[in-house]
Amino acid sequence: MAESKSILSPIPGVFYRRPAPDQDVYVKEGDTVKVGDTIGLIEVMKNFYEIKAESDGVLERFCVENEEIVDAGQEIAVIKR
């Protein structure tokens, strides 16, 4: 049975799925990810922090929308291992 692993926001801020508005998203739902792959960014006071996959697997779903405000500890995405 596949196990799911949540990726949580380490800090409050605005979540972005792409590095810039004119670029493609880092990953899409259903994509294979490896530990350390960037899945998005969180912006805090004009500083950007990469959010990385913490396990290998398939990105099952995003739990927040692009440009959504997130809280520290909020679930951002789920990886199926």
PDB file of N, CA and C in Angstrom:
ATOM      1  N   MET A   1       0.842  -1.185   0.000  1.00  0.00           N
ATOM      2  CA  MET A   1       0.000   0.000   0.000  1.00  0.00           C
ATOM      3  C   MET A   1       0.886   1.247   0.000  1.00  0.00           C
ATOM      4  N   ALA A   2       0.578   2.184  -0.872  1.00  0.00           N
ATOM      5  CA  ALA A   2       1.363   3.422  -0.972  1.00  0.00           C
ATOM      6  C   ALA A   2       1.123   4.298   0.250  1.00  0.00           C
ATOM      7  N   GLU A   3       2.184   4.932   0.678  1.00  0.00           N
ATOM      8  CA  GLU A   3       2.124   5.826   1.826  1.00  0.00           C
ATOM      9  C   GLU A   3       2.203   7.256   1.312  1.00  0.00           C
ATOM     10  N   SER A   4       1.477   8.167   1.960  1.00  0.00           N
ATOM     11  CA  SER A   4       1.517   9.574   1.571  1.00  0.00           C
ATOM     12  C   SER A   4       2.319  10.373   2.574  1.00  0.00           C
ATOM     13  N   LYS A   5       3.027  11.388   2.068  1.00  0.00           N
ATOM     14  CA  LYS A   5       3.846  12.264   2.907  1.00  0.00           C
ATOM     15  C   LYS A   5       3.462  13.701   2.583  1.00  0.00           C
ATOM     16  N   SER A   6       3.087  14.457   3.605  1.00  0.00           N
ATOM     17  CA  SER A   6       2.718  15.859   3.412  1.00  0.00           C
ATOM     18  C   SER A   6       3.955  16.744   3.409  1.00  0.00           C
ATOM     19  N   ILE A   7       3.923  17.773   2.578  1.00  0.00           N
ATOM     20  CA  ILE A   7       4.933  18.827   2.609  1.00  0.00           C
ATOM     21  C   ILE A   7       4.272  20.015   3.287  1.00  0.00           C
ATOM     22  N   LEU A   8       4.870  20.465   4.379  1.00  0.00           N
ATOM     23  CA  LEU A   8       4.302  21.556   5.167  1.00  0.00           C
ATOM     24  C   LEU A   8       5.093  22.838   4.951  1.00  0.00           C
ATOM     25  N   SER A   9       4.395  23.949   5.046  1.00  0.00           N
ATOM     26  CA  SER A   9       5.064  25.242   4.928  1.00  0.00           C
ATOM     27  C   SER A   9       5.892  25.499   6.185  1.00  0.00           C
ATOM     28  N   PRO A  10       7.183  25.805   6.028  1.00  0.00           N
ATOM     29  CA  PRO A  10       8.012  26.078   7.202  1.00  0.00           C
ATOM     30  C   PRO A  10       7.784  27.480   7.763  1.00  0.00           C
ATOM     31  N   ILE A  11       7.220  28.372   6.929  1.00  0.00           N
ATOM     32  CA  ILE A  11       7.034  29.772   7.317  1.00  0.00           C
ATOM     33  C   ILE A  11       5.730  30.303   6.716  1.00  0.00           C
ATOM     34  N   PRO A  12       5.182  31.371   7.295  1.00  0.00           N
ATOM     35  CA  PRO A  12       4.011  31.995   6.677  1.00  0.00           C
ATOM     36  C   PRO A  12       4.442  32.869   5.499  1.00  0.00           C
ATOM     37  N   GLY A  13       3.597  32.959   4.489  1.00  0.00           N
ATOM     38  CA  GLY A  13       3.911  33.794   3.334  1.00  0.00           C
ATOM     39  C   GLY A  13       2.981  33.481   2.180  1.00  0.00           C
ATOM     40  N   VAL A  14       3.410  33.817   0.976  1.00  0.00           N
ATOM     41  CA  VAL A  14       2.631  33.570  -0.237  1.00  0.00           C
ATOM     42  C   VAL A  14       3.302  32.442  -1.010  1.00  0.00           C
ATOM     43  N   PHE A  15       2.521  31.424  -1.366  1.00  0.00           N
ATOM     44  CA  PHE A  15       3.043  30.260  -2.076  1.00  0.00           C
ATOM     45  C   PHE A  15       2.953  30.481  -3.585  1.00  0.00           C
ATOM     46  N   TYR A  16       4.041  30.152  -4.275  1.00  0.00           N
ATOM     47  CA  TYR A  16       4.093  30.237  -5.741  1.00  0.00           C
ATOM     48  C   TYR A  16       4.531  28.890  -6.305  1.00  0.00           C
ATOM     49  N   ARG A  17       3.841  28.442  -7.361  1.00  0.00           N
ATOM     50  CA  ARG A  17       4.186  27.170  -8.005  1.00  0.00           C
ATOM     51  C   ARG A  17       5.204  27.336  -9.124  1.00  0.00           C
ATOM     52  N   ARG A  18       5.530  28.562  -9.499  1.00  0.00           N
ATOM     53  CA  ARG A  18       6.466  28.805 -10.601  1.00  0.00           C
ATOM     54  C   ARG A  18       7.523  29.812 -10.169  1.00  0.00           C
ATOM     55  N   PRO A  19       8.723  29.742 -10.771  1.00  0.00           N
ATOM     56  CA  PRO A  19       9.807  30.650 -10.381  1.00  0.00           C
ATOM     57  C   PRO A  19       9.556  32.098 -10.780  1.00  0.00           C
ATOM     58  N   ALA A  20       8.775  32.316 -11.841  1.00  0.00           N
ATOM     59  CA  ALA A  20       8.423  33.655 -12.305  1.00  0.00           C
ATOM     60  C   ALA A  20       7.094  33.552 -13.055  1.00  0.00           C
ATOM     61  N   PRO A  21       6.343  34.649 -13.125  1.00  0.00           N
ATOM     62  CA  PRO A  21       5.023  34.587 -13.769  1.00  0.00           C
ATOM     63  C   PRO A  21       5.039  34.089 -15.212  1.00  0.00           C
ATOM     64  N   ASP A  22       6.136  34.298 -15.936  1.00  0.00           N
ATOM     65  CA  ASP A  22       6.200  33.888 -17.339  1.00  0.00           C
ATOM     66  C   ASP A  22       6.872  32.530 -17.542  1.00  0.00           C
ATOM     67  N   GLN A  23       7.112  31.809 -16.453  1.00  0.00           N
ATOM     68  CA  GLN A  23       7.762  30.496 -16.547  1.00  0.00           C
ATOM     69  C   GLN A  23       6.800  29.386 -16.146  1.00  0.00           C
ATOM     70  N   ASP A  24       7.139  28.153 -16.556  1.00  0.00           N
ATOM     71  CA  ASP A  24       6.321  26.988 -16.217  1.00  0.00           C
ATOM     72  C   ASP A  24       6.425  26.669 -14.732  1.00  0.00           C
ATOM     73  N   VAL A  25       5.430  25.926 -14.235  1.00  0.00           N
ATOM     74  CA  VAL A  25       5.451  25.488 -12.840  1.00  0.00           C
ATOM     75  C   VAL A  25       6.640  24.561 -12.605  1.00  0.00           C
ATOM     76  N   TYR A  26       7.094  24.505 -11.352  1.00  0.00           N
ATOM     77  CA  TYR A  26       8.201  23.601 -11.005  1.00  0.00           C
ATOM     78  C   TYR A  26       7.805  22.157 -11.276  1.00  0.00           C
ATOM     79  N   VAL A  27       6.657  21.746 -10.757  1.00  0.00           N
ATOM     80  CA  VAL A  27       6.149  20.385 -10.957  1.00  0.00           C
ATOM     81  C   VAL A  27       4.633  20.433 -11.088  1.00  0.00           C
ATOM     82  N   LYS A  28       4.101  19.407 -11.739  1.00  0.00           N
ATOM     83  CA  LYS A  28       2.654  19.274 -11.881  1.00  0.00           C
ATOM     84  C   LYS A  28       2.193  18.076 -11.063  1.00  0.00           C
ATOM     85  N   GLU A  29       0.919  18.060 -10.714  1.00  0.00           N
ATOM     86  CA  GLU A  29       0.357  16.893 -10.049  1.00  0.00           C
ATOM     87  C   GLU A  29       0.550  15.692 -10.967  1.00  0.00           C
ATOM     88  N   GLY A  30       1.022  14.588 -10.387  1.00  0.00           N
ATOM     89  CA  GLY A  30       1.299  13.380 -11.159  1.00  0.00           C
ATOM     90  C   GLY A  30       2.757  13.237 -11.562  1.00  0.00           C
ATOM     91  N   ASP A  31       3.553  14.302 -11.397  1.00  0.00           N
ATOM     92  CA  ASP A  31       4.983  14.236 -11.720  1.00  0.00           C
ATOM     93  C   ASP A  31       5.744  13.451 -10.654  1.00  0.00           C
ATOM     94  N   THR A  32       6.807  12.778 -11.075  1.00  0.00           N
ATOM     95  CA  THR A  32       7.706  12.101 -10.143  1.00  0.00           C
ATOM     96  C   THR A  32       8.671  13.129  -9.569  1.00  0.00           C
ATOM     97  N   VAL A  33       8.862  13.087  -8.248  1.00  0.00           N
ATOM     98  CA  VAL A  33       9.801  13.994  -7.580  1.00  0.00           C
ATOM     99  C   VAL A  33      10.794  13.178  -6.760  1.00  0.00           C
ATOM    100  N   LYS A  34      11.943  13.776  -6.543  1.00  0.00           N
ATOM    101  CA  LYS A  34      12.983  13.171  -5.707  1.00  0.00           C
ATOM    102  C   LYS A  34      13.289  14.117  -4.562  1.00  0.00           C
ATOM    103  N   VAL A  35      13.852  13.579  -3.486  1.00  0.00           N
ATOM    104  CA  VAL A  35      14.234  14.397  -2.337  1.00  0.00           C
ATOM    105  C   VAL A  35      15.076  15.573  -2.823  1.00  0.00           C
ATOM    106  N   GLY A  36      14.710  16.767  -2.404  1.00  0.00           N
ATOM    107  CA  GLY A  36      15.461  17.961  -2.767  1.00  0.00           C
ATOM    108  C   GLY A  36      14.948  18.703  -3.986  1.00  0.00           C
ATOM    109  N   ASP A  37      14.020  18.088  -4.750  1.00  0.00           N
ATOM    110  CA  ASP A  37      13.436  18.791  -5.894  1.00  0.00           C
ATOM    111  C   ASP A  37      12.594  19.962  -5.394  1.00  0.00           C
ATOM    112  N   THR A  38      12.725  21.107  -6.036  1.00  0.00           N
ATOM    113  CA  THR A  38      11.918  22.272  -5.679  1.00  0.00           C
ATOM    114  C   THR A  38      10.512  22.087  -6.232  1.00  0.00           C
ATOM    115  N   ILE A  39       9.504  22.263  -5.368  1.00  0.00           N
ATOM    116  CA  ILE A  39       8.112  22.160  -5.820  1.00  0.00           C
ATOM    117  C   ILE A  39       7.426  23.518  -5.848  1.00  0.00           C
ATOM    118  N   GLY A  40       8.041  24.518  -5.207  1.00  0.00           N
ATOM    119  CA  GLY A  40       7.447  25.846  -5.176  1.00  0.00           C
ATOM    120  C   GLY A  40       8.297  26.800  -4.363  1.00  0.00           C
ATOM    121  N   LEU A  41       7.780  28.010  -4.207  1.00  0.00           N
ATOM    122  CA  LEU A  41       8.452  29.055  -3.434  1.00  0.00           C
ATOM    123  C   LEU A  41       7.473  29.655  -2.440  1.00  0.00           C
ATOM    124  N   ILE A  42       8.008  30.160  -1.344  1.00  0.00           N
ATOM    125  CA  ILE A  42       7.216  30.977  -0.433  1.00  0.00           C
ATOM    126  C   ILE A  42       7.902  32.331  -0.337  1.00  0.00           C
ATOM    127  N   GLU A  43       7.104  33.380  -0.549  1.00  0.00           N
ATOM    128  CA  GLU A  43       7.618  34.745  -0.472  1.00  0.00           C
ATOM    129  C   GLU A  43       7.244  35.350   0.873  1.00  0.00           C
ATOM    130  N   VAL A  44       8.260  35.907   1.527  1.00  0.00           N
ATOM    131  CA  VAL A  44       8.067  36.626   2.778  1.00  0.00           C
ATOM    132  C   VAL A  44       8.848  37.929   2.663  1.00  0.00           C
ATOM    133  N   MET A  45       8.158  39.052   2.676  1.00  0.00           N
ATOM    134  CA  MET A  45       8.796  40.370   2.632  1.00  0.00           C
ATOM    135  C   MET A  45       9.816  40.476   1.493  1.00  0.00           C
ATOM    136  N   LYS A  46       9.411  40.072   0.292  1.00  0.00           N
ATOM    137  CA  LYS A  46      10.227  40.139  -0.931  1.00  0.00           C
ATOM    138  C   LYS A  46      11.415  39.177  -0.942  1.00  0.00           C
ATOM    139  N   ASN A  47      11.480  38.272   0.032  1.00  0.00           N
ATOM    140  CA  ASN A  47      12.475  37.190   0.028  1.00  0.00           C
ATOM    141  C   ASN A  47      11.758  35.904  -0.366  1.00  0.00           C
ATOM    142  N   PHE A  48      12.431  35.093  -1.180  1.00  0.00           N
ATOM    143  CA  PHE A  48      11.829  33.855  -1.658  1.00  0.00           C
ATOM    144  C   PHE A  48      12.574  32.654  -1.084  1.00  0.00           C
ATOM    145  N   TYR A  49      11.807  31.685  -0.584  1.00  0.00           N
ATOM    146  CA  TYR A  49      12.362  30.470   0.015  1.00  0.00           C
ATOM    147  C   TYR A  49      11.853  29.274  -0.775  1.00  0.00           C
ATOM    148  N   GLU A  50      12.780  28.427  -1.226  1.00  0.00           N
ATOM    149  CA  GLU A  50      12.394  27.236  -1.984  1.00  0.00           C
ATOM    150  C   GLU A  50      11.748  26.209  -1.064  1.00  0.00           C
ATOM    151  N   ILE A  51      10.674  25.609  -1.545  1.00  0.00           N
ATOM    152  CA  ILE A  51      10.030  24.497  -0.850  1.00  0.00           C
ATOM    153  C   ILE A  51      10.421  23.246  -1.615  1.00  0.00           C
ATOM    154  N   LYS A  52      11.021  22.300  -0.911  1.00  0.00           N
ATOM    155  CA  LYS A  52      11.589  21.115  -1.561  1.00  0.00           C
ATOM    156  C   LYS A  52      10.861  19.842  -1.131  1.00  0.00           C
ATOM    157  N   ALA A  53      10.859  18.866  -2.028  1.00  0.00           N
ATOM    158  CA  ALA A  53      10.313  17.549  -1.710  1.00  0.00           C
ATOM    159  C   ALA A  53      11.180  16.908  -0.633  1.00  0.00           C
ATOM    160  N   GLU A  54      10.532  16.305   0.342  1.00  0.00           N
ATOM    161  CA  GLU A  54      11.246  15.671   1.453  1.00  0.00           C
ATOM    162  C   GLU A  54      11.300  14.160   1.317  1.00  0.00           C
ATOM    163  N   SER A  55      10.708  13.640   0.237  1.00  0.00           N
ATOM    164  CA  SER A  55      10.777  12.205  -0.026  1.00  0.00           C
ATOM    165  C   SER A  55      10.614  11.978  -1.527  1.00  0.00           C
ATOM    166  N   ASP A  56      11.043  10.811  -1.988  1.00  0.00           N
ATOM    167  CA  ASP A  56      10.856  10.422  -3.381  1.00  0.00           C
ATOM    168  C   ASP A  56       9.424   9.939  -3.556  1.00  0.00           C
ATOM    169  N   GLY A  57       8.864  10.156  -4.730  1.00  0.00           N
ATOM    170  CA  GLY A  57       7.527   9.651  -5.006  1.00  0.00           C
ATOM    171  C   GLY A  57       6.860  10.429  -6.120  1.00  0.00           C
ATOM    172  N   VAL A  58       5.532  10.393  -6.119  1.00  0.00           N
ATOM    173  CA  VAL A  58       4.727  11.091  -7.119  1.00  0.00           C
ATOM    174  C   VAL A  58       3.963  12.202  -6.417  1.00  0.00           C
ATOM    175  N   LEU A  59       4.044  13.415  -6.964  1.00  0.00           N
ATOM    176  CA  LEU A  59       3.291  14.525  -6.388  1.00  0.00           C
ATOM    177  C   LEU A  59       1.811  14.255  -6.632  1.00  0.00           C
ATOM    178  N   GLU A  60       1.126  13.848  -5.580  1.00  0.00           N
ATOM    179  CA  GLU A  60      -0.275  13.448  -5.690  1.00  0.00           C
ATOM    180  C   GLU A  60      -1.187  14.654  -5.889  1.00  0.00           C
ATOM    181  N   ARG A  61      -0.978  15.697  -5.076  1.00  0.00           N
ATOM    182  CA  ARG A  61      -1.829  16.885  -5.198  1.00  0.00           C
ATOM    183  C   ARG A  61      -1.219  18.067  -4.459  1.00  0.00           C
ATOM    184  N   PHE A  62      -1.593  19.256  -4.912  1.00  0.00           N
ATOM    185  CA  PHE A  62      -1.305  20.479  -4.171  1.00  0.00           C
ATOM    186  C   PHE A  62      -2.516  20.767  -3.296  1.00  0.00           C
ATOM    187  N   CYS A  63      -2.273  21.225  -2.096  1.00  0.00           N
ATOM    188  CA  CYS A  63      -3.349  21.526  -1.149  1.00  0.00           C
ATOM    189  C   CYS A  63      -3.651  23.021  -1.096  1.00  0.00           C
ATOM    190  N   VAL A  64      -2.833  23.818  -1.775  1.00  0.00           N
ATOM    191  CA  VAL A  64      -3.036  25.264  -1.854  1.00  0.00           C
ATOM    192  C   VAL A  64      -2.893  25.694  -3.311  1.00  0.00           C
ATOM    193  N   GLU A  65      -3.485  26.816  -3.629  1.00  0.00           N
ATOM    194  CA  GLU A  65      -3.421  27.358  -4.982  1.00  0.00           C
ATOM    195  C   GLU A  65      -2.196  28.251  -5.147  1.00  0.00           C
ATOM    196  N   ASN A  66      -1.812  28.481  -6.382  1.00  0.00           N
ATOM    197  CA  ASN A  66      -0.740  29.420  -6.687  1.00  0.00           C
ATOM    198  C   ASN A  66      -1.132  30.806  -6.164  1.00  0.00           C
ATOM    199  N   GLU A  67      -0.189  31.489  -5.531  1.00  0.00           N
ATOM    200  CA  GLU A  67      -0.360  32.828  -4.965  1.00  0.00           C
ATOM    201  C   GLU A  67      -1.291  32.855  -3.751  1.00  0.00           C
ATOM    202  N   GLU A  68      -1.506  31.711  -3.131  1.00  0.00           N
ATOM    203  CA  GLU A  68      -2.328  31.649  -1.917  1.00  0.00           C
ATOM    204  C   GLU A  68      -1.462  31.939  -0.695  1.00  0.00           C
ATOM    205  N   ILE A  69      -2.029  32.660   0.264  1.00  0.00           N
ATOM    206  CA  ILE A  69      -1.337  32.925   1.525  1.00  0.00           C
ATOM    207  C   ILE A  69      -1.380  31.651   2.365  1.00  0.00           C
ATOM    208  N   VAL A  70      -0.218  31.266   2.906  1.00  0.00           N
ATOM    209  CA  VAL A  70      -0.131  30.059   3.729  1.00  0.00           C
ATOM    210  C   VAL A  70       0.424  30.408   5.107  1.00  0.00           C
ATOM    211  N   ASP A  71       0.067  29.585   6.078  1.00  0.00           N
ATOM    212  CA  ASP A  71       0.577  29.719   7.442  1.00  0.00           C
ATOM    213  C   ASP A  71       1.698  28.715   7.665  1.00  0.00           C
ATOM    214  N   ALA A  72       2.536  28.982   8.639  1.00  0.00           N
ATOM    215  CA  ALA A  72       3.562  28.010   9.032  1.00  0.00           C
ATOM    216  C   ALA A  72       2.862  26.728   9.472  1.00  0.00           C
ATOM    217  N   GLY A  73       3.333  25.590   8.978  1.00  0.00           N
ATOM    218  CA  GLY A  73       2.755  24.302   9.333  1.00  0.00           C
ATOM    219  C   GLY A  73       1.592  23.880   8.463  1.00  0.00           C
ATOM    220  N   GLN A  74       1.149  24.734   7.554  1.00  0.00           N
ATOM    221  CA  GLN A  74       0.037  24.394   6.670  1.00  0.00           C
ATOM    222  C   GLN A  74       0.497  23.413   5.600  1.00  0.00           C
ATOM    223  N   GLU A  75      -0.352  22.444   5.282  1.00  0.00           N
ATOM    224  CA  GLU A  75      -0.044  21.459   4.247  1.00  0.00           C
ATOM    225  C   GLU A  75      -0.059  22.135   2.871  1.00  0.00           C
ATOM    226  N   ILE A  76       1.045  21.967   2.135  1.00  0.00           N
ATOM    227  CA  ILE A  76       1.173  22.565   0.801  1.00  0.00           C
ATOM    228  C   ILE A  76       0.895  21.534  -0.283  1.00  0.00           C
ATOM    229  N   ALA A  77       1.444  20.332  -0.114  1.00  0.00           N
ATOM    230  CA  ALA A  77       1.313  19.296  -1.136  1.00  0.00           C
ATOM    231  C   ALA A  77       1.441  17.926  -0.482  1.00  0.00           C
ATOM    232  N   VAL A  78       1.049  16.899  -1.247  1.00  0.00           N
ATOM    233  CA  VAL A  78       1.136  15.519  -0.767  1.00  0.00           C
ATOM    234  C   VAL A  78       1.892  14.698  -1.806  1.00  0.00           C
ATOM    235  N   ILE A  79       2.880  13.944  -1.321  1.00  0.00           N
ATOM    236  CA  ILE A  79       3.656  13.038  -2.169  1.00  0.00           C
ATOM    237  C   ILE A  79       3.277  11.609  -1.807  1.00  0.00           C
ATOM    238  N   LYS A  80       2.948  10.817  -2.829  1.00  0.00           N
ATOM    239  CA  LYS A  80       2.655   9.396  -2.618  1.00  0.00           C
ATOM    240  C   LYS A  80       3.940   8.633  -2.837  1.00  0.00           C
ATOM    241  N   ARG A  81       4.347   7.852  -1.816  1.00  0.00           N
ATOM    242  CA  ARG A  81       5.597   7.086  -1.912  1.00  0.00           C
ATOM    243  C   ARG A  81       5.315   5.666  -2.312  1.00  0.00           C
TER     244      ARG A  81
END
